[in-house]
Amino acid sequence: MAQSLSLPLDRPSLYLIDGSSYLYRAYFALPFLSNSKGIPTHAAYGFTRMVMKIVKEHQPQYMAVAFDVGRETFRTETYQEYKAQRPSMPDELAVQIPYVKEILQALRIPVLEMENYEADDVIATLAKRAETAGFQVVIVTGDKDMLQLVTENIQVFDPMKEAFYGPQEVEKRMGVAPHQIPDLLGLAGDSIDNIPGVKGIGQKSA
């Protein structure tokens, strides 16, 4: 587990939450709940608790939540098998998304999403721009792909492990520096995203 890292006090903090990942975690972590109309609410409830925990414990100066928009992206246009093995979103989860966005709006937390792109892409773009503008960025996600964005001014916080990842923590976990992760996954493959990699090359040899 990575050790907690302290954020510099001379840079404003921006927390970017992977909303799609958070939703799935909340959906599968909690038992089924519904309102008086029978509409499922457990994912929305769990999601809200997770977001409020970040607000309470980390006290970010700025924050936003990014979501995927459908399954089709510019990646599937190039490689149709990208994430093809993943099941479609359960209807009980999909019906809760509008309520989650209403909750975020009520909390005055911006919702970010863009057609043909994943939440990861939106987060990556904003993180890099915010770093250039002088922010200390924290990406809240358990997705290892996001570790490639880590710099001295961009950290990843894994809420399940309660752990921050800076450059040293990434290299300890992945065996390579953050900027080398795309090469590592491209060569070794990534079963989670259904990327085959180069035949005969595993993560160690990559």
N, C-alpha and C. Protein backbone atom coordinates (compact mmCIF):
# COMPACT_ATOMS: atom_id res chain seq x y z
N MET A 1 0.84 -1.19 0.00
CA MET A 1 0.00 0.00 0.00
C MET A 1 0.88 1.25 0.00
N ALA A 2 0.51 2.22 -0.82
CA ALA A 2 1.27 3.46 -0.86
C ALA A 2 1.00 4.27 0.40
N GLN A 3 1.99 5.00 0.81
CA GLN A 3 1.83 5.85 1.98
C GLN A 3 1.13 7.13 1.59
N SER A 4 0.41 7.73 2.54
CA SER A 4 -0.26 8.99 2.28
C SER A 4 0.78 10.08 2.03
N LEU A 5 0.49 10.94 1.09
CA LEU A 5 1.39 12.03 0.74
C LEU A 5 0.74 13.35 1.12
N SER A 6 1.53 14.30 1.55
CA SER A 6 1.00 15.61 1.90
C SER A 6 1.00 16.49 0.67
N LEU A 7 -0.05 17.29 0.52
CA LEU A 7 -0.16 18.20 -0.61
C LEU A 7 0.52 19.52 -0.28
N PRO A 8 1.21 20.12 -1.24
CA PRO A 8 1.86 21.41 -0.99
C PRO A 8 0.82 22.49 -0.72
N LEU A 9 1.14 23.36 0.22
CA LEU A 9 0.18 24.38 0.63
C LEU A 9 0.21 25.60 -0.28
N ASP A 10 1.22 25.71 -1.16
CA ASP A 10 1.34 26.89 -1.99
C ASP A 10 0.62 26.75 -3.33
N ARG A 11 -0.08 25.63 -3.55
CA ARG A 11 -0.81 25.42 -4.79
C ARG A 11 -2.26 25.06 -4.45
N PRO A 12 -3.24 25.66 -5.12
CA PRO A 12 -4.64 25.29 -4.87
C PRO A 12 -4.89 23.85 -5.29
N SER A 13 -5.75 23.17 -4.55
CA SER A 13 -6.00 21.75 -4.82
C SER A 13 -7.24 21.56 -5.69
N LEU A 14 -7.12 20.65 -6.65
CA LEU A 14 -8.24 20.27 -7.52
C LEU A 14 -8.39 18.76 -7.47
N TYR A 15 -9.54 18.29 -7.03
CA TYR A 15 -9.82 16.86 -6.98
C TYR A 15 -10.74 16.49 -8.15
N LEU A 16 -10.31 15.52 -8.94
CA LEU A 16 -11.08 15.04 -10.08
C LEU A 16 -11.50 13.60 -9.81
N ILE A 17 -12.79 13.37 -9.71
CA ILE A 17 -13.31 12.06 -9.33
C ILE A 17 -13.77 11.30 -10.57
N ASP A 18 -13.34 10.06 -10.67
CA ASP A 18 -13.81 9.15 -11.72
C ASP A 18 -15.21 8.68 -11.34
N GLY A 19 -16.21 9.41 -11.81
CA GLY A 19 -17.59 9.15 -11.40
C GLY A 19 -18.11 7.79 -11.82
N SER A 20 -17.75 7.35 -13.01
CA SER A 20 -18.22 6.05 -13.50
C SER A 20 -17.70 4.92 -12.62
N SER A 21 -16.44 5.00 -12.26
CA SER A 21 -15.84 4.00 -11.38
C SER A 21 -16.50 4.03 -10.01
N TYR A 22 -16.73 5.22 -9.49
CA TYR A 22 -17.38 5.37 -8.19
C TYR A 22 -18.78 4.76 -8.19
N LEU A 23 -19.52 4.98 -9.28
CA LEU A 23 -20.88 4.46 -9.37
C LEU A 23 -20.91 2.94 -9.29
N TYR A 24 -20.04 2.31 -10.06
CA TYR A 24 -19.99 0.85 -10.06
C TYR A 24 -19.60 0.31 -8.69
N ARG A 25 -18.64 0.95 -8.05
CA ARG A 25 -18.23 0.51 -6.72
C ARG A 25 -19.40 0.60 -5.75
N ALA A 26 -20.13 1.69 -5.80
CA ALA A 26 -21.27 1.87 -4.90
C ALA A 26 -22.37 0.87 -5.20
N TYR A 27 -22.60 0.61 -6.48
CA TYR A 27 -23.67 -0.30 -6.89
C TYR A 27 -23.44 -1.72 -6.37
N PHE A 28 -22.22 -2.19 -6.49
CA PHE A 28 -21.92 -3.56 -6.09
C PHE A 28 -21.59 -3.70 -4.60
N ALA A 29 -21.31 -2.59 -3.94
CA ALA A 29 -20.91 -2.65 -2.54
C ALA A 29 -22.09 -2.67 -1.58
N LEU A 30 -23.22 -2.12 -2.02
CA LEU A 30 -24.37 -1.98 -1.12
C LEU A 30 -25.52 -2.90 -1.51
N PRO A 31 -26.30 -3.32 -0.53
CA PRO A 31 -27.51 -4.11 -0.84
C PRO A 31 -28.54 -3.24 -1.54
N PHE A 32 -29.47 -3.88 -2.20
CA PHE A 32 -30.49 -3.16 -2.96
C PHE A 32 -31.33 -2.27 -2.03
N LEU A 33 -31.48 -1.02 -2.45
CA LEU A 33 -32.35 -0.07 -1.77
C LEU A 33 -33.22 0.59 -2.82
N SER A 34 -34.42 1.01 -2.45
CA SER A 34 -35.29 1.71 -3.39
C SER A 34 -36.13 2.72 -2.63
N ASN A 35 -36.68 3.67 -3.38
CA ASN A 35 -37.55 4.66 -2.75
C ASN A 35 -39.00 4.16 -2.75
N SER A 36 -39.92 5.02 -2.36
CA SER A 36 -41.33 4.62 -2.24
C SER A 36 -41.96 4.26 -3.57
N LYS A 37 -41.32 4.70 -4.68
CA LYS A 37 -41.83 4.38 -6.01
C LYS A 37 -41.19 3.13 -6.60
N GLY A 38 -40.31 2.51 -5.82
CA GLY A 38 -39.66 1.30 -6.30
C GLY A 38 -38.43 1.55 -7.14
N ILE A 39 -38.00 2.80 -7.25
CA ILE A 39 -36.81 3.14 -8.04
C ILE A 39 -35.56 2.82 -7.22
N PRO A 40 -34.61 2.07 -7.78
CA PRO A 40 -33.38 1.74 -7.05
C PRO A 40 -32.62 3.00 -6.62
N THR A 41 -32.06 2.98 -5.43
CA THR A 41 -31.34 4.15 -4.92
C THR A 41 -30.01 3.81 -4.28
N HIS A 42 -29.65 2.53 -4.20
CA HIS A 42 -28.46 2.15 -3.43
C HIS A 42 -27.17 2.70 -4.02
N ALA A 43 -27.05 2.71 -5.36
CA ALA A 43 -25.84 3.25 -5.99
C ALA A 43 -25.73 4.76 -5.76
N ALA A 44 -26.86 5.45 -5.90
CA ALA A 44 -26.87 6.89 -5.68
C ALA A 44 -26.52 7.23 -4.24
N TYR A 45 -27.06 6.44 -3.32
CA TYR A 45 -26.77 6.66 -1.90
C TYR A 45 -25.29 6.41 -1.60
N GLY A 46 -24.78 5.29 -2.07
CA GLY A 46 -23.37 4.97 -1.84
C GLY A 46 -22.44 5.96 -2.50
N PHE A 47 -22.78 6.37 -3.71
CA PHE A 47 -21.97 7.34 -4.44
C PHE A 47 -21.89 8.65 -3.67
N THR A 48 -23.03 9.12 -3.19
CA THR A 48 -23.07 10.39 -2.46
C THR A 48 -22.24 10.31 -1.19
N ARG A 49 -22.32 9.20 -0.49
CA ARG A 49 -21.52 9.04 0.73
C ARG A 49 -20.02 9.07 0.42
N MET A 50 -19.63 8.44 -0.68
CA MET A 50 -18.22 8.40 -1.06
C MET A 50 -17.72 9.80 -1.42
N VAL A 51 -18.53 10.55 -2.15
CA VAL A 51 -18.14 11.92 -2.52
C VAL A 51 -18.04 12.80 -1.28
N MET A 52 -19.00 12.69 -0.40
CA MET A 52 -18.99 13.51 0.81
C MET A 52 -17.83 13.15 1.73
N LYS A 53 -17.39 11.90 1.69
CA LYS A 53 -16.22 11.51 2.47
C LYS A 53 -14.98 12.22 1.96
N ILE A 54 -14.86 12.34 0.63
CA ILE A 54 -13.73 13.08 0.05
C ILE A 54 -13.79 14.54 0.48
N VAL A 55 -14.98 15.12 0.41
CA VAL A 55 -15.15 16.53 0.79
C VAL A 55 -14.77 16.75 2.25
N LYS A 56 -15.24 15.87 3.12
CA LYS A 56 -15.01 16.03 4.56
C LYS A 56 -13.57 15.77 4.95
N GLU A 57 -12.98 14.69 4.44
CA GLU A 57 -11.65 14.29 4.89
C GLU A 57 -10.52 15.01 4.16
N HIS A 58 -10.75 15.41 2.91
CA HIS A 58 -9.67 16.01 2.12
C HIS A 58 -9.83 17.52 1.95
N GLN A 59 -11.06 18.00 2.08
CA GLN A 59 -11.36 19.43 1.97
C GLN A 59 -10.72 20.07 0.72
N PRO A 60 -11.03 19.54 -0.44
CA PRO A 60 -10.47 20.13 -1.67
C PRO A 60 -11.00 21.54 -1.90
N GLN A 61 -10.16 22.38 -2.46
CA GLN A 61 -10.60 23.73 -2.78
C GLN A 61 -11.49 23.74 -4.02
N TYR A 62 -11.19 22.84 -4.94
CA TYR A 62 -11.99 22.70 -6.15
C TYR A 62 -12.17 21.20 -6.43
N MET A 63 -13.29 20.85 -7.04
CA MET A 63 -13.47 19.45 -7.41
C MET A 63 -14.49 19.34 -8.55
N ALA A 64 -14.42 18.22 -9.25
CA ALA A 64 -15.36 17.93 -10.33
C ALA A 64 -15.46 16.42 -10.46
N VAL A 65 -16.55 15.96 -11.08
CA VAL A 65 -16.77 14.53 -11.28
C VAL A 65 -16.97 14.27 -12.77
N ALA A 66 -16.25 13.30 -13.30
CA ALA A 66 -16.34 12.96 -14.72
C ALA A 66 -17.03 11.61 -14.91
N PHE A 67 -17.83 11.51 -15.98
CA PHE A 67 -18.55 10.28 -16.29
C PHE A 67 -18.28 9.85 -17.73
N ASP A 68 -18.37 8.53 -17.95
CA ASP A 68 -18.37 8.02 -19.32
C ASP A 68 -19.69 8.39 -19.98
N VAL A 69 -19.67 8.43 -21.32
CA VAL A 69 -20.91 8.64 -22.08
C VAL A 69 -21.06 7.47 -23.04
N GLY A 70 -21.74 6.43 -22.62
CA GLY A 70 -21.93 5.26 -23.48
C GLY A 70 -20.67 4.43 -23.62
N ARG A 71 -20.76 3.39 -24.44
CA ARG A 71 -19.65 2.45 -24.63
C ARG A 71 -18.81 2.78 -25.85
N GLU A 72 -19.38 3.50 -26.81
CA GLU A 72 -18.67 3.79 -28.05
C GLU A 72 -17.78 5.02 -27.88
N THR A 73 -16.49 4.86 -28.17
CA THR A 73 -15.54 5.96 -28.09
C THR A 73 -14.62 5.91 -29.30
N PHE A 74 -13.71 6.86 -29.38
CA PHE A 74 -12.76 6.86 -30.49
C PHE A 74 -11.88 5.62 -30.45
N ARG A 75 -11.75 5.00 -29.29
CA ARG A 75 -10.94 3.77 -29.19
C ARG A 75 -11.64 2.58 -29.84
N THR A 76 -12.95 2.47 -29.64
CA THR A 76 -13.68 1.36 -30.25
C THR A 76 -13.77 1.52 -31.77
N GLU A 77 -13.65 2.75 -32.25
CA GLU A 77 -13.61 2.97 -33.70
C GLU A 77 -12.34 2.39 -34.29
N THR A 78 -11.26 2.44 -33.52
CA THR A 78 -9.97 1.91 -33.98
C THR A 78 -9.84 0.41 -33.69
N TYR A 79 -10.32 0.00 -32.52
CA TYR A 79 -10.20 -1.40 -32.09
C TYR A 79 -11.52 -1.83 -31.47
N GLN A 80 -12.34 -2.55 -32.22
CA GLN A 80 -13.70 -2.88 -31.80
C GLN A 80 -13.74 -3.78 -30.57
N GLU A 81 -12.66 -4.50 -30.30
CA GLU A 81 -12.65 -5.41 -29.15
C GLU A 81 -12.30 -4.72 -27.84
N TYR A 82 -12.03 -3.41 -27.90
CA TYR A 82 -11.67 -2.67 -26.69
C TYR A 82 -12.81 -2.75 -25.67
N LYS A 83 -12.54 -3.32 -24.52
CA LYS A 83 -13.50 -3.50 -23.43
C LYS A 83 -14.74 -4.28 -23.86
N ALA A 84 -14.64 -5.03 -24.95
CA ALA A 84 -15.81 -5.74 -25.48
C ALA A 84 -16.29 -6.85 -24.55
N GLN A 85 -15.41 -7.34 -23.69
CA GLN A 85 -15.77 -8.44 -22.80
C GLN A 85 -16.59 -7.99 -21.60
N ARG A 86 -16.68 -6.69 -21.41
CA ARG A 86 -17.40 -6.18 -20.24
C ARG A 86 -18.91 -6.20 -20.48
N PRO A 87 -19.68 -6.61 -19.49
CA PRO A 87 -21.14 -6.61 -19.65
C PRO A 87 -21.68 -5.18 -19.69
N SER A 88 -22.87 -5.04 -20.26
CA SER A 88 -23.51 -3.73 -20.30
C SER A 88 -23.89 -3.29 -18.90
N MET A 89 -24.07 -2.00 -18.73
CA MET A 89 -24.46 -1.47 -17.42
C MET A 89 -25.82 -2.03 -17.01
N PRO A 90 -25.94 -2.53 -15.79
CA PRO A 90 -27.24 -3.03 -15.31
C PRO A 90 -28.30 -1.92 -15.34
N ASP A 91 -29.52 -2.29 -15.69
CA ASP A 91 -30.61 -1.30 -15.75
C ASP A 91 -30.82 -0.65 -14.39
N GLU A 92 -30.65 -1.42 -13.32
CA GLU A 92 -30.85 -0.87 -11.97
C GLU A 92 -29.83 0.20 -11.64
N LEU A 93 -28.68 0.17 -12.30
CA LEU A 93 -27.67 1.21 -12.11
C LEU A 93 -27.93 2.39 -13.04
N ALA A 94 -28.23 2.09 -14.29
CA ALA A 94 -28.44 3.15 -15.28
C ALA A 94 -29.54 4.11 -14.87
N VAL A 95 -30.60 3.58 -14.25
CA VAL A 95 -31.73 4.42 -13.88
C VAL A 95 -31.38 5.40 -12.77
N GLN A 96 -30.28 5.16 -12.06
CA GLN A 96 -29.89 6.03 -10.95
C GLN A 96 -28.99 7.19 -11.37
N ILE A 97 -28.43 7.10 -12.57
CA ILE A 97 -27.48 8.13 -13.01
C ILE A 97 -28.07 9.53 -13.02
N PRO A 98 -29.28 9.74 -13.56
CA PRO A 98 -29.84 11.10 -13.53
C PRO A 98 -29.96 11.66 -12.12
N TYR A 99 -30.28 10.81 -11.16
CA TYR A 99 -30.41 11.27 -9.77
C TYR A 99 -29.05 11.63 -9.18
N VAL A 100 -28.04 10.85 -9.55
CA VAL A 100 -26.68 11.15 -9.10
C VAL A 100 -26.25 12.53 -9.60
N LYS A 101 -26.54 12.81 -10.85
CA LYS A 101 -26.16 14.10 -11.43
C LYS A 101 -26.94 15.25 -10.78
N GLU A 102 -28.19 14.99 -10.43
CA GLU A 102 -28.98 16.01 -9.72
C GLU A 102 -28.38 16.29 -8.35
N ILE A 103 -27.94 15.24 -7.69
CA ILE A 103 -27.31 15.40 -6.37
C ILE A 103 -26.04 16.24 -6.48
N LEU A 104 -25.21 15.93 -7.49
CA LEU A 104 -23.98 16.69 -7.68
C LEU A 104 -24.28 18.15 -8.00
N GLN A 105 -25.33 18.38 -8.79
CA GLN A 105 -25.72 19.75 -9.10
C GLN A 105 -26.15 20.49 -7.84
N ALA A 106 -26.89 19.80 -6.97
CA ALA A 106 -27.33 20.41 -5.71
C ALA A 106 -26.14 20.72 -4.81
N LEU A 107 -25.09 19.90 -4.91
CA LEU A 107 -23.88 20.13 -4.12
C LEU A 107 -22.93 21.13 -4.79
N ARG A 108 -23.32 21.60 -5.96
CA ARG A 108 -22.53 22.54 -6.76
C ARG A 108 -21.17 21.96 -7.14
N ILE A 109 -21.18 20.69 -7.46
CA ILE A 109 -19.99 20.01 -7.95
C ILE A 109 -20.15 19.80 -9.45
N PRO A 110 -19.29 20.37 -10.28
CA PRO A 110 -19.43 20.25 -11.73
C PRO A 110 -19.38 18.80 -12.21
N VAL A 111 -20.22 18.50 -13.19
CA VAL A 111 -20.24 17.19 -13.85
C VAL A 111 -19.62 17.34 -15.23
N LEU A 112 -18.63 16.50 -15.53
CA LEU A 112 -17.90 16.59 -16.79
C LEU A 112 -18.11 15.31 -17.60
N GLU A 113 -18.47 15.45 -18.86
CA GLU A 113 -18.60 14.31 -19.76
C GLU A 113 -18.58 14.81 -21.19
N MET A 114 -18.15 13.93 -22.10
CA MET A 114 -18.01 14.33 -23.49
C MET A 114 -18.25 13.13 -24.39
N GLU A 115 -19.10 13.32 -25.39
CA GLU A 115 -19.40 12.25 -26.34
C GLU A 115 -18.12 11.74 -27.01
N ASN A 116 -18.05 10.42 -27.19
CA ASN A 116 -16.95 9.77 -27.89
C ASN A 116 -15.67 9.67 -27.05
N TYR A 117 -15.75 10.08 -25.79
CA TYR A 117 -14.59 10.00 -24.90
C TYR A 117 -14.99 9.37 -23.57
N GLU A 118 -14.00 8.78 -22.90
CA GLU A 118 -14.23 8.21 -21.59
C GLU A 118 -13.98 9.25 -20.51
N ALA A 119 -14.47 8.95 -19.32
CA ALA A 119 -14.21 9.84 -18.18
C ALA A 119 -12.71 10.02 -17.98
N ASP A 120 -11.94 8.95 -18.21
CA ASP A 120 -10.48 9.02 -18.06
C ASP A 120 -9.88 10.10 -18.95
N ASP A 121 -10.39 10.21 -20.17
CA ASP A 121 -9.86 11.19 -21.12
C ASP A 121 -10.15 12.61 -20.64
N VAL A 122 -11.35 12.82 -20.15
CA VAL A 122 -11.74 14.14 -19.65
C VAL A 122 -10.87 14.51 -18.45
N ILE A 123 -10.69 13.55 -17.54
CA ILE A 123 -9.88 13.79 -16.35
C ILE A 123 -8.43 14.09 -16.73
N ALA A 124 -7.89 13.31 -17.66
CA ALA A 124 -6.50 13.49 -18.06
C ALA A 124 -6.27 14.88 -18.66
N THR A 125 -7.18 15.30 -19.52
CA THR A 125 -7.05 16.62 -20.15
C THR A 125 -7.11 17.74 -19.12
N LEU A 126 -8.09 17.66 -18.24
CA LEU A 126 -8.25 18.71 -17.24
C LEU A 126 -7.10 18.70 -16.24
N ALA A 127 -6.61 17.51 -15.89
CA ALA A 127 -5.50 17.41 -14.93
C ALA A 127 -4.25 18.09 -15.48
N LYS A 128 -3.94 17.84 -16.74
CA LYS A 128 -2.75 18.43 -17.35
C LYS A 128 -2.90 19.95 -17.47
N ARG A 129 -4.08 20.39 -17.84
CA ARG A 129 -4.30 21.84 -17.96
C ARG A 129 -4.24 22.51 -16.59
N ALA A 130 -4.80 21.86 -15.60
CA ALA A 130 -4.78 22.43 -14.25
C ALA A 130 -3.37 22.47 -13.69
N GLU A 131 -2.58 21.44 -13.97
CA GLU A 131 -1.19 21.44 -13.51
C GLU A 131 -0.44 22.63 -14.11
N THR A 132 -0.64 22.86 -15.39
CA THR A 132 0.01 23.98 -16.07
C THR A 132 -0.43 25.32 -15.47
N ALA A 133 -1.69 25.36 -15.01
CA ALA A 133 -2.23 26.59 -14.44
C ALA A 133 -1.84 26.79 -12.98
N GLY A 134 -1.08 25.83 -12.41
CA GLY A 134 -0.58 26.01 -11.05
C GLY A 134 -1.32 25.26 -9.96
N PHE A 135 -2.17 24.32 -10.35
CA PHE A 135 -2.92 23.54 -9.36
C PHE A 135 -2.16 22.29 -8.93
N GLN A 136 -2.43 21.84 -7.72
CA GLN A 136 -2.04 20.50 -7.28
C GLN A 136 -3.25 19.62 -7.50
N VAL A 137 -3.12 18.65 -8.38
CA VAL A 137 -4.26 17.85 -8.82
C VAL A 137 -4.24 16.48 -8.14
N VAL A 138 -5.41 16.05 -7.70
CA VAL A 138 -5.58 14.71 -7.15
C VAL A 138 -6.68 14.02 -7.94
N ILE A 139 -6.34 12.91 -8.58
CA ILE A 139 -7.31 12.11 -9.33
C ILE A 139 -7.80 11.00 -8.42
N VAL A 140 -9.09 10.96 -8.18
CA VAL A 140 -9.66 9.97 -7.27
C VAL A 140 -10.20 8.80 -8.08
N THR A 141 -9.49 7.68 -8.04
CA THR A 141 -9.87 6.51 -8.83
C THR A 141 -9.07 5.30 -8.37
N GLY A 142 -9.58 4.13 -8.66
CA GLY A 142 -8.84 2.91 -8.43
C GLY A 142 -8.29 2.32 -9.71
N ASP A 143 -8.43 3.05 -10.81
CA ASP A 143 -8.01 2.59 -12.14
C ASP A 143 -6.50 2.77 -12.29
N LYS A 144 -5.79 1.68 -12.49
CA LYS A 144 -4.32 1.76 -12.60
C LYS A 144 -3.87 2.52 -13.84
N ASP A 145 -4.72 2.58 -14.88
CA ASP A 145 -4.36 3.30 -16.09
C ASP A 145 -4.05 4.77 -15.80
N MET A 146 -4.72 5.33 -14.80
CA MET A 146 -4.55 6.74 -14.49
C MET A 146 -3.21 7.04 -13.83
N LEU A 147 -2.50 6.01 -13.40
CA LEU A 147 -1.19 6.22 -12.79
C LEU A 147 -0.19 6.81 -13.77
N GLN A 148 -0.45 6.67 -15.06
CA GLN A 148 0.46 7.22 -16.06
C GLN A 148 0.47 8.75 -16.04
N LEU A 149 -0.52 9.36 -15.42
CA LEU A 149 -0.63 10.82 -15.36
C LEU A 149 0.15 11.43 -14.20
N VAL A 150 0.62 10.59 -13.30
CA VAL A 150 1.24 11.08 -12.06
C VAL A 150 2.53 11.84 -12.33
N THR A 151 2.63 12.99 -11.69
CA THR A 151 3.84 13.82 -11.69
C THR A 151 4.01 14.34 -10.27
N GLU A 152 4.92 15.28 -10.08
CA GLU A 152 5.07 15.89 -8.76
C GLU A 152 3.83 16.70 -8.39
N ASN A 153 3.07 17.14 -9.39
CA ASN A 153 1.91 17.99 -9.15
C ASN A 153 0.58 17.30 -9.43
N ILE A 154 0.62 16.07 -9.90
CA ILE A 154 -0.60 15.28 -10.13
C ILE A 154 -0.45 13.96 -9.38
N GLN A 155 -1.34 13.72 -8.44
CA GLN A 155 -1.32 12.48 -7.68
C GLN A 155 -2.61 11.70 -7.94
N VAL A 156 -2.55 10.41 -7.70
CA VAL A 156 -3.74 9.57 -7.75
C VAL A 156 -4.07 9.13 -6.33
N PHE A 157 -5.34 9.25 -5.97
CA PHE A 157 -5.79 8.75 -4.67
C PHE A 157 -6.73 7.58 -4.89
N ASP A 158 -6.37 6.42 -4.37
CA ASP A 158 -7.20 5.23 -4.46
C ASP A 158 -8.07 5.17 -3.20
N PRO A 159 -9.38 5.42 -3.33
CA PRO A 159 -10.23 5.48 -2.13
C PRO A 159 -10.42 4.14 -1.44
N MET A 160 -10.26 3.04 -2.18
CA MET A 160 -10.42 1.73 -1.57
C MET A 160 -9.22 1.38 -0.68
N LYS A 161 -8.04 1.81 -1.11
CA LYS A 161 -6.82 1.55 -0.34
C LYS A 161 -6.46 2.70 0.58
N GLU A 162 -7.21 3.81 0.45
CA GLU A 162 -6.91 5.01 1.23
C GLU A 162 -5.45 5.40 1.02
N ALA A 163 -5.01 5.40 -0.23
CA ALA A 163 -3.60 5.60 -0.52
C ALA A 163 -3.39 6.62 -1.64
N PHE A 164 -2.40 7.49 -1.46
CA PHE A 164 -1.97 8.41 -2.49
C PHE A 164 -0.81 7.78 -3.27
N TYR A 165 -0.76 8.10 -4.56
CA TYR A 165 0.35 7.65 -5.41
C TYR A 165 1.03 8.85 -6.05
N GLY A 166 2.30 9.05 -5.68
CA GLY A 166 3.17 9.99 -6.36
C GLY A 166 4.09 9.20 -7.27
N PRO A 167 5.07 9.85 -7.90
CA PRO A 167 5.97 9.15 -8.82
C PRO A 167 6.67 7.93 -8.21
N GLN A 168 7.16 8.05 -6.99
CA GLN A 168 7.88 6.93 -6.37
C GLN A 168 6.94 5.76 -6.07
N GLU A 169 5.73 6.06 -5.62
CA GLU A 169 4.76 5.01 -5.31
C GLU A 169 4.31 4.28 -6.57
N VAL A 170 4.19 5.03 -7.66
CA VAL A 170 3.81 4.40 -8.94
C VAL A 170 4.89 3.44 -9.40
N GLU A 171 6.14 3.89 -9.34
CA GLU A 171 7.23 3.03 -9.80
C GLU A 171 7.36 1.78 -8.93
N LYS A 172 7.09 1.93 -7.65
CA LYS A 172 7.15 0.76 -6.76
C LYS A 172 6.05 -0.24 -7.10
N ARG A 173 4.88 0.25 -7.44
CA ARG A 173 3.75 -0.64 -7.75
C ARG A 173 3.85 -1.24 -9.15
N MET A 174 4.19 -0.40 -10.13
CA MET A 174 4.14 -0.84 -11.53
C MET A 174 5.48 -1.32 -12.06
N GLY A 175 6.57 -0.94 -11.39
CA GLY A 175 7.89 -1.34 -11.86
C GLY A 175 8.48 -0.43 -12.91
N VAL A 176 7.74 0.61 -13.29
CA VAL A 176 8.22 1.58 -14.27
C VAL A 176 7.76 2.97 -13.83
N ALA A 177 8.36 4.00 -14.42
CA ALA A 177 7.95 5.37 -14.15
C ALA A 177 6.57 5.62 -14.76
N PRO A 178 5.83 6.60 -14.25
CA PRO A 178 4.48 6.86 -14.76
C PRO A 178 4.40 7.01 -16.28
N HIS A 179 5.34 7.75 -16.88
CA HIS A 179 5.26 7.99 -18.31
C HIS A 179 5.54 6.74 -19.14
N GLN A 180 6.04 5.68 -18.50
CA GLN A 180 6.33 4.44 -19.21
C GLN A 180 5.17 3.44 -19.16
N ILE A 181 4.14 3.75 -18.41
CA ILE A 181 3.01 2.82 -18.25
C ILE A 181 2.30 2.52 -19.57
N PRO A 182 2.06 3.50 -20.46
CA PRO A 182 1.43 3.16 -21.74
C PRO A 182 2.24 2.14 -22.54
N ASP A 183 3.56 2.27 -22.52
CA ASP A 183 4.41 1.30 -23.22
C ASP A 183 4.30 -0.08 -22.57
N LEU A 184 4.31 -0.10 -21.23
CA LEU A 184 4.22 -1.36 -20.50
C LEU A 184 2.93 -2.10 -20.83
N LEU A 185 1.81 -1.40 -20.76
CA LEU A 185 0.52 -2.04 -21.02
C LEU A 185 0.33 -2.38 -22.49
N GLY A 186 0.93 -1.56 -23.36
CA GLY A 186 0.85 -1.85 -24.79
C GLY A 186 1.59 -3.12 -25.15
N LEU A 187 2.73 -3.35 -24.52
CA LEU A 187 3.54 -4.54 -24.79
C LEU A 187 3.00 -5.77 -24.08
N ALA A 188 2.68 -5.61 -22.79
CA ALA A 188 2.25 -6.75 -21.98
C ALA A 188 0.76 -7.05 -22.14
N GLY A 189 0.00 -6.06 -22.61
CA GLY A 189 -1.44 -6.23 -22.71
C GLY A 189 -2.13 -5.87 -21.41
N ASP A 190 -3.45 -5.77 -21.49
CA ASP A 190 -4.25 -5.43 -20.32
C ASP A 190 -5.59 -6.16 -20.43
N SER A 191 -5.74 -7.23 -19.68
CA SER A 191 -6.95 -8.06 -19.78
C SER A 191 -8.20 -7.30 -19.35
N ILE A 192 -8.04 -6.33 -18.46
CA ILE A 192 -9.19 -5.57 -17.98
C ILE A 192 -9.82 -4.77 -19.12
N ASP A 193 -8.98 -4.23 -20.00
CA ASP A 193 -9.47 -3.45 -21.14
C ASP A 193 -9.52 -4.28 -22.42
N ASN A 194 -9.23 -5.58 -22.31
CA ASN A 194 -9.26 -6.50 -23.46
C ASN A 194 -8.23 -6.11 -24.52
N ILE A 195 -7.05 -5.70 -24.07
CA ILE A 195 -5.95 -5.37 -24.97
C ILE A 195 -4.96 -6.53 -24.94
N PRO A 196 -4.72 -7.21 -26.06
CA PRO A 196 -3.93 -8.44 -26.06
C PRO A 196 -2.45 -8.26 -25.82
N GLY A 197 -1.86 -7.14 -26.23
CA GLY A 197 -0.42 -6.97 -26.10
C GLY A 197 0.34 -7.75 -27.16
N VAL A 198 1.65 -7.82 -26.99
CA VAL A 198 2.51 -8.52 -27.95
C VAL A 198 2.69 -9.97 -27.50
N LYS A 199 2.47 -10.89 -28.40
CA LYS A 199 2.55 -12.32 -28.07
C LYS A 199 3.94 -12.67 -27.53
N GLY A 200 3.95 -13.39 -26.42
CA GLY A 200 5.20 -13.84 -25.83
C GLY A 200 5.83 -12.86 -24.86
N ILE A 201 5.21 -11.68 -24.71
CA ILE A 201 5.76 -10.67 -23.80
C ILE A 201 4.81 -10.49 -22.63
N GLY A 202 5.32 -10.69 -21.42
CA GLY A 202 4.54 -10.47 -20.21
C GLY A 202 4.96 -9.17 -19.55
N GLN A 203 4.40 -8.89 -18.38
CA GLN A 203 4.69 -7.62 -17.72
C GLN A 203 6.15 -7.52 -17.30
N LYS A 204 6.77 -8.63 -16.87
CA LYS A 204 8.16 -8.58 -16.44
C LYS A 204 9.10 -8.34 -17.61
N SER A 205 8.90 -9.05 -18.71
CA SER A 205 9.79 -8.87 -19.86
C SER A 205 9.55 -7.54 -20.55
N ALA A 206 8.31 -7.02 -20.46
CA ALA A 206 8.02 -5.72 -21.05
C ALA A 206 8.80 -4.63 -20.33
